[in-house]
Amino acid sequence: MLSTQQEEDVLDTWFSSGLLPFASLGWAGQGRRETTPDLARIYPTTLKTGNGILLWVVQVVMLGLNLTERLPFETVVLHGLPCDGGGHKTS
């Protein structure tokens, strides 16, 4: 039988995806100016994405600024998404 009660001990998907640079490249440490060699080499980076996840991009920027006082992306390139004749996104 499936439970309909929502699990409370989980990270929100949107929030946790914003932590990806730090989870994969190392945590900045206690001081906001501290860094790991990998994080210093790659962060900030360039992001190329569709406009469908623009709110996620904004969240990652805010989280990055809060944790490191630096922008996570030097450049963000938004490209168009292919749509069908009715204007709906296609896969």
PDB file of N, CA and C in Angstrom:
ATOM      1  N   MET A   1       0.846  -1.175   0.000  1.00  0.00           N
ATOM      2  CA  MET A   1       0.000   0.000   0.000  1.00  0.00           C
ATOM      3  C   MET A   1       0.893   1.241   0.000  1.00  0.00           C
ATOM      4  N   LEU A   2       0.587   2.187  -0.859  1.00  0.00           N
ATOM      5  CA  LEU A   2       1.354   3.421  -0.967  1.00  0.00           C
ATOM      6  C   LEU A   2       0.928   4.418   0.102  1.00  0.00           C
ATOM      7  N   SER A   3       1.912   5.095   0.669  1.00  0.00           N
ATOM      8  CA  SER A   3       1.637   6.118   1.664  1.00  0.00           C
ATOM      9  C   SER A   3       1.396   7.450   0.963  1.00  0.00           C
ATOM     10  N   THR A   4       0.432   8.199   1.452  1.00  0.00           N
ATOM     11  CA  THR A   4       0.171   9.518   0.886  1.00  0.00           C
ATOM     12  C   THR A   4       0.813  10.622   1.715  1.00  0.00           C
ATOM     13  N   GLN A   5       1.526  10.242   2.772  1.00  0.00           N
ATOM     14  CA  GLN A   5       2.187  11.237   3.614  1.00  0.00           C
ATOM     15  C   GLN A   5       3.522  11.629   2.987  1.00  0.00           C
ATOM     16  N   GLN A   6       3.759  12.922   2.869  1.00  0.00           N
ATOM     17  CA  GLN A   6       4.991  13.423   2.266  1.00  0.00           C
ATOM     18  C   GLN A   6       6.139  13.267   3.240  1.00  0.00           C
ATOM     19  N   GLU A   7       7.263  12.748   2.727  1.00  0.00           N
ATOM     20  CA  GLU A   7       8.470  12.622   3.529  1.00  0.00           C
ATOM     21  C   GLU A   7       9.016  14.015   3.820  1.00  0.00           C
ATOM     22  N   GLU A   8       9.356  14.285   5.080  1.00  0.00           N
ATOM     23  CA  GLU A   8       9.820  15.620   5.449  1.00  0.00           C
ATOM     24  C   GLU A   8      11.335  15.715   5.524  1.00  0.00           C
ATOM     25  N   ASP A   9      12.048  14.598   5.550  1.00  0.00           N
ATOM     26  CA  ASP A   9      13.488  14.605   5.741  1.00  0.00           C
ATOM     27  C   ASP A   9      14.219  14.459   4.405  1.00  0.00           C
ATOM     28  N   VAL A  10      13.913  15.349   3.465  1.00  0.00           N
ATOM     29  CA  VAL A  10      14.565  15.325   2.159  1.00  0.00           C
ATOM     30  C   VAL A  10      14.881  16.759   1.734  1.00  0.00           C
ATOM     31  N   LEU A  11      15.865  16.895   0.862  1.00  0.00           N
ATOM     32  CA  LEU A  11      16.149  18.197   0.284  1.00  0.00           C
ATOM     33  C   LEU A  11      15.212  18.439  -0.890  1.00  0.00           C
ATOM     34  N   ASP A  12      14.734  19.641  -1.029  1.00  0.00           N
ATOM     35  CA  ASP A  12      13.937  20.012  -2.178  1.00  0.00           C
ATOM     36  C   ASP A  12      14.772  19.845  -3.442  1.00  0.00           C
ATOM     37  N   THR A  13      14.190  19.305  -4.490  1.00  0.00           N
ATOM     38  CA  THR A  13      14.926  19.032  -5.724  1.00  0.00           C
ATOM     39  C   THR A  13      15.563  20.295  -6.299  1.00  0.00           C
ATOM     40  N   TRP A  14      14.824  21.387  -6.347  1.00  0.00           N
ATOM     41  CA  TRP A  14      15.368  22.625  -6.902  1.00  0.00           C
ATOM     42  C   TRP A  14      16.505  23.148  -6.043  1.00  0.00           C
ATOM     43  N   PHE A  15      16.349  23.066  -4.735  1.00  0.00           N
ATOM     44  CA  PHE A  15      17.404  23.538  -3.841  1.00  0.00           C
ATOM     45  C   PHE A  15      18.636  22.657  -3.959  1.00  0.00           C
ATOM     46  N   SER A  16      18.443  21.346  -3.923  1.00  0.00           N
ATOM     47  CA  SER A  16      19.596  20.446  -3.946  1.00  0.00           C
ATOM     48  C   SER A  16      20.340  20.514  -5.279  1.00  0.00           C
ATOM     49  N   SER A  17      19.645  20.768  -6.366  1.00  0.00           N
ATOM     50  CA  SER A  17      20.350  20.883  -7.647  1.00  0.00           C
ATOM     51  C   SER A  17      21.217  22.134  -7.681  1.00  0.00           C
ATOM     52  N   GLY A  18      20.856  23.145  -6.917  1.00  0.00           N
ATOM     53  CA  GLY A  18      21.685  24.338  -6.805  1.00  0.00           C
ATOM     54  C   GLY A  18      22.973  24.087  -6.037  1.00  0.00           C
ATOM     55  N   LEU A  19      23.009  23.011  -5.273  1.00  0.00           N
ATOM     56  CA  LEU A  19      24.209  22.648  -4.512  1.00  0.00           C
ATOM     57  C   LEU A  19      25.200  21.826  -5.333  1.00  0.00           C
ATOM     58  N   LEU A  20      24.829  21.463  -6.565  1.00  0.00           N
ATOM     59  CA  LEU A  20      25.672  20.592  -7.388  1.00  0.00           C
ATOM     60  C   LEU A  20      27.119  21.058  -7.507  1.00  0.00           C
ATOM     61  N   PRO A  21      27.396  22.337  -7.780  1.00  0.00           N
ATOM     62  CA  PRO A  21      28.807  22.732  -7.911  1.00  0.00           C
ATOM     63  C   PRO A  21      29.615  22.438  -6.654  1.00  0.00           C
ATOM     64  N   PHE A  22      29.003  22.600  -5.499  1.00  0.00           N
ATOM     65  CA  PHE A  22      29.720  22.405  -4.241  1.00  0.00           C
ATOM     66  C   PHE A  22      29.818  20.928  -3.874  1.00  0.00           C
ATOM     67  N   ALA A  23      28.792  20.167  -4.188  1.00  0.00           N
ATOM     68  CA  ALA A  23      28.819  18.736  -3.905  1.00  0.00           C
ATOM     69  C   ALA A  23      29.837  18.015  -4.789  1.00  0.00           C
ATOM     70  N   SER A  24      30.023  18.488  -6.021  1.00  0.00           N
ATOM     71  CA  SER A  24      30.940  17.810  -6.938  1.00  0.00           C
ATOM     72  C   SER A  24      32.351  18.393  -6.931  1.00  0.00           C
ATOM     73  N   LEU A  25      32.502  19.675  -6.582  1.00  0.00           N
ATOM     74  CA  LEU A  25      33.814  20.333  -6.646  1.00  0.00           C
ATOM     75  C   LEU A  25      34.397  20.657  -5.276  1.00  0.00           C
ATOM     76  N   GLY A  26      33.628  20.429  -4.231  1.00  0.00           N
ATOM     77  CA  GLY A  26      34.105  20.674  -2.877  1.00  0.00           C
ATOM     78  C   GLY A  26      33.429  21.880  -2.256  1.00  0.00           C
ATOM     79  N   TRP A  27      33.266  21.808  -0.970  1.00  0.00           N
ATOM     80  CA  TRP A  27      32.638  22.890  -0.231  1.00  0.00           C
ATOM     81  C   TRP A  27      33.637  23.997  -0.001  1.00  0.00           C
ATOM     82  N   ALA A  28      33.162  25.207   0.018  1.00  0.00           N
ATOM     83  CA  ALA A  28      34.034  26.370   0.143  1.00  0.00           C
ATOM     84  C   ALA A  28      34.633  26.511   1.536  1.00  0.00           C
ATOM     85  N   GLY A  29      34.131  25.830   2.527  1.00  0.00           N
ATOM     86  CA  GLY A  29      34.653  25.953   3.885  1.00  0.00           C
ATOM     87  C   GLY A  29      33.850  26.952   4.686  1.00  0.00           C
ATOM     88  N   GLN A  30      34.363  27.290   5.849  1.00  0.00           N
ATOM     89  CA  GLN A  30      33.634  28.197   6.737  1.00  0.00           C
ATOM     90  C   GLN A  30      33.645  29.629   6.217  1.00  0.00           C
ATOM     91  N   GLY A  31      34.762  30.063   5.658  1.00  0.00           N
ATOM     92  CA  GLY A  31      34.842  31.422   5.133  1.00  0.00           C
ATOM     93  C   GLY A  31      34.356  31.474   3.699  1.00  0.00           C
ATOM     94  N   ARG A  32      33.657  32.516   3.339  1.00  0.00           N
ATOM     95  CA  ARG A  32      33.093  32.615   1.990  1.00  0.00           C
ATOM     96  C   ARG A  32      34.153  32.783   0.931  1.00  0.00           C
ATOM     97  N   ARG A  33      35.329  33.229   1.289  1.00  0.00           N
ATOM     98  CA  ARG A  33      36.404  33.410   0.317  1.00  0.00           C
ATOM     99  C   ARG A  33      37.252  32.145   0.174  1.00  0.00           C
ATOM    100  N   GLU A  34      37.071  31.171   1.062  1.00  0.00           N
ATOM    101  CA  GLU A  34      37.823  29.924   0.963  1.00  0.00           C
ATOM    102  C   GLU A  34      37.313  29.118  -0.218  1.00  0.00           C
ATOM    103  N   THR A  35      38.171  28.272  -0.759  1.00  0.00           N
ATOM    104  CA  THR A  35      37.772  27.470  -1.908  1.00  0.00           C
ATOM    105  C   THR A  35      38.616  26.201  -1.959  1.00  0.00           C
ATOM    106  N   THR A  36      38.201  25.266  -2.775  1.00  0.00           N
ATOM    107  CA  THR A  36      38.992  24.066  -3.045  1.00  0.00           C
ATOM    108  C   THR A  36      39.669  24.272  -4.395  1.00  0.00           C
ATOM    109  N   PRO A  37      40.717  23.513  -4.713  1.00  0.00           N
ATOM    110  CA  PRO A  37      41.366  23.687  -6.021  1.00  0.00           C
ATOM    111  C   PRO A  37      40.404  23.486  -7.195  1.00  0.00           C
ATOM    112  N   ASP A  38      39.550  22.467  -7.122  1.00  0.00           N
ATOM    113  CA  ASP A  38      38.603  22.225  -8.219  1.00  0.00           C
ATOM    114  C   ASP A  38      37.582  23.348  -8.338  1.00  0.00           C
ATOM    115  N   LEU A  39      37.062  23.803  -7.212  1.00  0.00           N
ATOM    116  CA  LEU A  39      36.077  24.879  -7.233  1.00  0.00           C
ATOM    117  C   LEU A  39      36.706  26.161  -7.777  1.00  0.00           C
ATOM    118  N   ALA A  40      37.953  26.442  -7.402  1.00  0.00           N
ATOM    119  CA  ALA A  40      38.635  27.642  -7.889  1.00  0.00           C
ATOM    120  C   ALA A  40      38.878  27.576  -9.393  1.00  0.00           C
ATOM    121  N   ARG A  41      39.115  26.370  -9.919  1.00  0.00           N
ATOM    122  CA  ARG A  41      39.417  26.205 -11.337  1.00  0.00           C
ATOM    123  C   ARG A  41      38.170  26.325 -12.209  1.00  0.00           C
ATOM    124  N   ILE A  42      37.033  25.875 -11.736  1.00  0.00           N
ATOM    125  CA  ILE A  42      35.834  25.775 -12.575  1.00  0.00           C
ATOM    126  C   ILE A  42      34.768  26.813 -12.230  1.00  0.00           C
ATOM    127  N   TYR A  43      34.742  27.313 -11.014  1.00  0.00           N
ATOM    128  CA  TYR A  43      33.682  28.209 -10.542  1.00  0.00           C
ATOM    129  C   TYR A  43      34.178  29.631 -10.530  1.00  0.00           C
ATOM    130  N   PRO A  44      33.638  30.553 -11.247  1.00  0.00           N
ATOM    131  CA  PRO A  44      32.420  30.493 -12.060  1.00  0.00           C
ATOM    132  C   PRO A  44      32.658  29.867 -13.430  1.00  0.00           C
ATOM    133  N   THR A  45      31.570  29.506 -14.067  1.00  0.00           N
ATOM    134  CA  THR A  45      31.616  28.853 -15.371  1.00  0.00           C
ATOM    135  C   THR A  45      30.632  29.530 -16.320  1.00  0.00           C
ATOM    136  N   THR A  46      30.465  28.967 -17.492  1.00  0.00           N
ATOM    137  CA  THR A  46      29.487  29.446 -18.462  1.00  0.00           C
ATOM    138  C   THR A  46      28.352  28.439 -18.532  1.00  0.00           C
ATOM    139  N   LEU A  47      27.135  28.907 -18.648  1.00  0.00           N
ATOM    140  CA  LEU A  47      25.965  28.034 -18.726  1.00  0.00           C
ATOM    141  C   LEU A  47      25.237  28.303 -20.031  1.00  0.00           C
ATOM    142  N   LYS A  48      24.927  27.235 -20.756  1.00  0.00           N
ATOM    143  CA  LYS A  48      24.095  27.325 -21.965  1.00  0.00           C
ATOM    144  C   LYS A  48      22.865  26.475 -21.714  1.00  0.00           C
ATOM    145  N   THR A  49      21.691  27.088 -21.784  1.00  0.00           N
ATOM    146  CA  THR A  49      20.467  26.365 -21.451  1.00  0.00           C
ATOM    147  C   THR A  49      19.267  26.989 -22.151  1.00  0.00           C
ATOM    148  N   GLY A  50      18.171  26.281 -22.130  1.00  0.00           N
ATOM    149  CA  GLY A  50      16.920  26.803 -22.656  1.00  0.00           C
ATOM    150  C   GLY A  50      16.240  27.684 -21.624  1.00  0.00           C
ATOM    151  N   ASN A  51      15.325  28.509 -22.068  1.00  0.00           N
ATOM    152  CA  ASN A  51      14.663  29.430 -21.151  1.00  0.00           C
ATOM    153  C   ASN A  51      13.685  28.740 -20.213  1.00  0.00           C
ATOM    154  N   GLY A  52      13.455  27.442 -20.396  1.00  0.00           N
ATOM    155  CA  GLY A  52      12.520  26.704 -19.553  1.00  0.00           C
ATOM    156  C   GLY A  52      12.976  26.554 -18.116  1.00  0.00           C
ATOM    157  N   ILE A  53      14.270  26.708 -17.853  1.00  0.00           N
ATOM    158  CA  ILE A  53      14.746  26.566 -16.480  1.00  0.00           C
ATOM    159  C   ILE A  53      15.361  27.862 -15.963  1.00  0.00           C
ATOM    160  N   LEU A  54      14.890  28.973 -16.475  1.00  0.00           N
ATOM    161  CA  LEU A  54      15.429  30.265 -16.066  1.00  0.00           C
ATOM    162  C   LEU A  54      15.281  30.497 -14.560  1.00  0.00           C
ATOM    163  N   LEU A  55      14.175  30.063 -13.969  1.00  0.00           N
ATOM    164  CA  LEU A  55      14.010  30.230 -12.522  1.00  0.00           C
ATOM    165  C   LEU A  55      15.049  29.434 -11.749  1.00  0.00           C
ATOM    166  N   TRP A  56      15.418  28.255 -12.246  1.00  0.00           N
ATOM    167  CA  TRP A  56      16.479  27.475 -11.600  1.00  0.00           C
ATOM    168  C   TRP A  56      17.801  28.230 -11.690  1.00  0.00           C
ATOM    169  N   VAL A  57      18.082  28.839 -12.827  1.00  0.00           N
ATOM    170  CA  VAL A  57      19.321  29.608 -13.000  1.00  0.00           C
ATOM    171  C   VAL A  57      19.372  30.728 -11.959  1.00  0.00           C
ATOM    172  N   VAL A  58      18.262  31.425 -11.770  1.00  0.00           N
ATOM    173  CA  VAL A  58      18.200  32.503 -10.787  1.00  0.00           C
ATOM    174  C   VAL A  58      18.459  31.953  -9.386  1.00  0.00           C
ATOM    175  N   GLN A  59      17.895  30.793  -9.082  1.00  0.00           N
ATOM    176  CA  GLN A  59      18.104  30.185  -7.768  1.00  0.00           C
ATOM    177  C   GLN A  59      19.575  29.830  -7.546  1.00  0.00           C
ATOM    178  N   VAL A  60      20.217  29.260  -8.549  1.00  0.00           N
ATOM    179  CA  VAL A  60      21.628  28.902  -8.432  1.00  0.00           C
ATOM    180  C   VAL A  60      22.477  30.159  -8.242  1.00  0.00           C
ATOM    181  N   VAL A  61      22.131  31.229  -8.936  1.00  0.00           N
ATOM    182  CA  VAL A  61      22.858  32.496  -8.770  1.00  0.00           C
ATOM    183  C   VAL A  61      22.711  33.003  -7.338  1.00  0.00           C
ATOM    184  N   MET A  62      21.492  33.009  -6.815  1.00  0.00           N
ATOM    185  CA  MET A  62      21.278  33.494  -5.449  1.00  0.00           C
ATOM    186  C   MET A  62      21.991  32.621  -4.426  1.00  0.00           C
ATOM    187  N   LEU A  63      21.931  31.311  -4.602  1.00  0.00           N
ATOM    188  CA  LEU A  63      22.603  30.392  -3.684  1.00  0.00           C
ATOM    189  C   LEU A  63      24.120  30.565  -3.763  1.00  0.00           C
ATOM    190  N   GLY A  64      24.645  30.692  -4.973  1.00  0.00           N
ATOM    191  CA  GLY A  64      26.079  30.892  -5.145  1.00  0.00           C
ATOM    192  C   GLY A  64      26.562  32.183  -4.522  1.00  0.00           C
ATOM    193  N   LEU A  65      25.793  33.247  -4.705  1.00  0.00           N
ATOM    194  CA  LEU A  65      26.155  34.525  -4.088  1.00  0.00           C
ATOM    195  C   LEU A  65      26.128  34.430  -2.564  1.00  0.00           C
ATOM    196  N   ASN A  66      25.144  33.729  -2.047  1.00  0.00           N
ATOM    197  CA  ASN A  66      25.022  33.592  -0.603  1.00  0.00           C
ATOM    198  C   ASN A  66      26.165  32.766  -0.020  1.00  0.00           C
ATOM    199  N   LEU A  67      26.553  31.693  -0.700  1.00  0.00           N
ATOM    200  CA  LEU A  67      27.581  30.795  -0.160  1.00  0.00           C
ATOM    201  C   LEU A  67      28.997  31.259  -0.440  1.00  0.00           C
ATOM    202  N   THR A  68      29.224  31.975  -1.539  1.00  0.00           N
ATOM    203  CA  THR A  68      30.601  32.303  -1.927  1.00  0.00           C
ATOM    204  C   THR A  68      30.839  33.787  -2.164  1.00  0.00           C
ATOM    205  N   GLU A  69      29.773  34.579  -2.199  1.00  0.00           N
ATOM    206  CA  GLU A  69      29.842  35.993  -2.562  1.00  0.00           C
ATOM    207  C   GLU A  69      30.393  36.189  -3.977  1.00  0.00           C
ATOM    208  N   ARG A  70      30.227  35.163  -4.816  1.00  0.00           N
ATOM    209  CA  ARG A  70      30.644  35.231  -6.223  1.00  0.00           C
ATOM    210  C   ARG A  70      29.516  34.705  -7.090  1.00  0.00           C
ATOM    211  N   LEU A  71      29.418  35.234  -8.308  1.00  0.00           N
ATOM    212  CA  LEU A  71      28.435  34.710  -9.258  1.00  0.00           C
ATOM    213  C   LEU A  71      28.888  33.335  -9.741  1.00  0.00           C
ATOM    214  N   PRO A  72      27.989  32.362  -9.856  1.00  0.00           N
ATOM    215  CA  PRO A  72      28.372  31.029 -10.319  1.00  0.00           C
ATOM    216  C   PRO A  72      28.613  30.951 -11.822  1.00  0.00           C
ATOM    217  N   PHE A  73      28.079  31.909 -12.582  1.00  0.00           N
ATOM    218  CA  PHE A  73      28.203  31.876 -14.032  1.00  0.00           C
ATOM    219  C   PHE A  73      28.798  33.191 -14.523  1.00  0.00           C
ATOM    220  N   GLU A  74      29.841  33.099 -15.354  1.00  0.00           N
ATOM    221  CA  GLU A  74      30.370  34.296 -16.010  1.00  0.00           C
ATOM    222  C   GLU A  74      29.412  34.748 -17.096  1.00  0.00           C
ATOM    223  N   THR A  75      28.852  33.770 -17.803  1.00  0.00           N
ATOM    224  CA  THR A  75      27.943  34.036 -18.914  1.00  0.00           C
ATOM    225  C   THR A  75      26.808  33.016 -18.868  1.00  0.00           C
ATOM    226  N   VAL A  76      25.591  33.466 -19.115  1.00  0.00           N
ATOM    227  CA  VAL A  76      24.439  32.569 -19.262  1.00  0.00           C
ATOM    228  C   VAL A  76      23.877  32.813 -20.659  1.00  0.00           C
ATOM    229  N   VAL A  77      23.882  31.773 -21.487  1.00  0.00           N
ATOM    230  CA  VAL A  77      23.359  31.853 -22.843  1.00  0.00           C
ATOM    231  C   VAL A  77      22.023  31.113 -22.866  1.00  0.00           C
ATOM    232  N   LEU A  78      20.948  31.829 -23.176  1.00  0.00           N
ATOM    233  CA  LEU A  78      19.628  31.213 -23.293  1.00  0.00           C
ATOM    234  C   LEU A  78      19.323  31.002 -24.764  1.00  0.00           C
ATOM    235  N   HIS A  79      18.953  29.784 -25.114  1.00  0.00           N
ATOM    236  CA  HIS A  79      18.607  29.496 -26.501  1.00  0.00           C
ATOM    237  C   HIS A  79      17.134  29.142 -26.589  1.00  0.00           C
ATOM    238  N   GLY A  80      16.621  29.208 -27.768  1.00  0.00           N
ATOM    239  CA  GLY A  80      15.224  28.889 -27.992  1.00  0.00           C
ATOM    240  C   GLY A  80      14.961  27.397 -27.871  1.00  0.00           C
ATOM    241  N   LEU A  81      13.699  27.056 -27.702  1.00  0.00           N
ATOM    242  CA  LEU A  81      13.286  25.658 -27.615  1.00  0.00           C
ATOM    243  C   LEU A  81      12.453  25.311 -28.847  1.00  0.00           C
ATOM    244  N   PRO A  82      12.655  24.118 -29.389  1.00  0.00           N
ATOM    245  CA  PRO A  82      11.838  23.728 -30.550  1.00  0.00           C
ATOM    246  C   PRO A  82      10.381  23.539 -30.138  1.00  0.00           C
ATOM    247  N   CYS A  83       9.482  24.085 -30.946  1.00  0.00           N
ATOM    248  CA  CYS A  83       8.052  23.987 -30.672  1.00  0.00           C
ATOM    249  C   CYS A  83       7.325  23.414 -31.884  1.00  0.00           C
ATOM    250  N   ASP A  84       6.182  22.804 -31.626  1.00  0.00           N
ATOM    251  CA  ASP A  84       5.382  22.275 -32.724  1.00  0.00           C
ATOM    252  C   ASP A  84       4.547  23.418 -33.325  1.00  0.00           C
ATOM    253  N   GLY A  85       3.698  23.092 -34.278  1.00  0.00           N
ATOM    254  CA  GLY A  85       2.893  24.104 -34.950  1.00  0.00           C
ATOM    255  C   GLY A  85       1.966  24.858 -34.020  1.00  0.00           C
ATOM    256  N   GLY A  86       1.611  24.249 -32.886  1.00  0.00           N
ATOM    257  CA  GLY A  86       0.717  24.893 -31.928  1.00  0.00           C
ATOM    258  C   GLY A  86       1.460  25.702 -30.873  1.00  0.00           C
ATOM    259  N   GLY A  87       2.794  25.749 -30.971  1.00  0.00           N
ATOM    260  CA  GLY A  87       3.586  26.508 -30.015  1.00  0.00           C
ATOM    261  C   GLY A  87       3.931  25.756 -28.745  1.00  0.00           C
ATOM    262  N   HIS A  88       3.684  24.428 -28.737  1.00  0.00           N
ATOM    263  CA  HIS A  88       4.016  23.618 -27.564  1.00  0.00           C
ATOM    264  C   HIS A  88       5.420  23.066 -27.678  1.00  0.00           C
ATOM    265  N   LYS A  89       6.131  22.996 -26.535  1.00  0.00           N
ATOM    266  CA  LYS A  89       7.484  22.458 -26.503  1.00  0.00           C
ATOM    267  C   LYS A  89       7.501  21.023 -27.037  1.00  0.00           C
ATOM    268  N   THR A  90       8.522  20.702 -27.820  1.00  0.00           N
ATOM    269  CA  THR A  90       8.692  19.328 -28.284  1.00  0.00           C
ATOM    270  C   THR A  90       9.910  18.739 -27.582  1.00  0.00           C
ATOM    271  N   SER A  91       9.961  17.406 -27.544  1.00  0.00           N
ATOM    272  CA  SER A  91      11.104  16.770 -26.878  1.00  0.00           C
ATOM    273  C   SER A  91      12.175  16.409 -27.873  1.00  0.00           C
TER     274      SER A  91
END
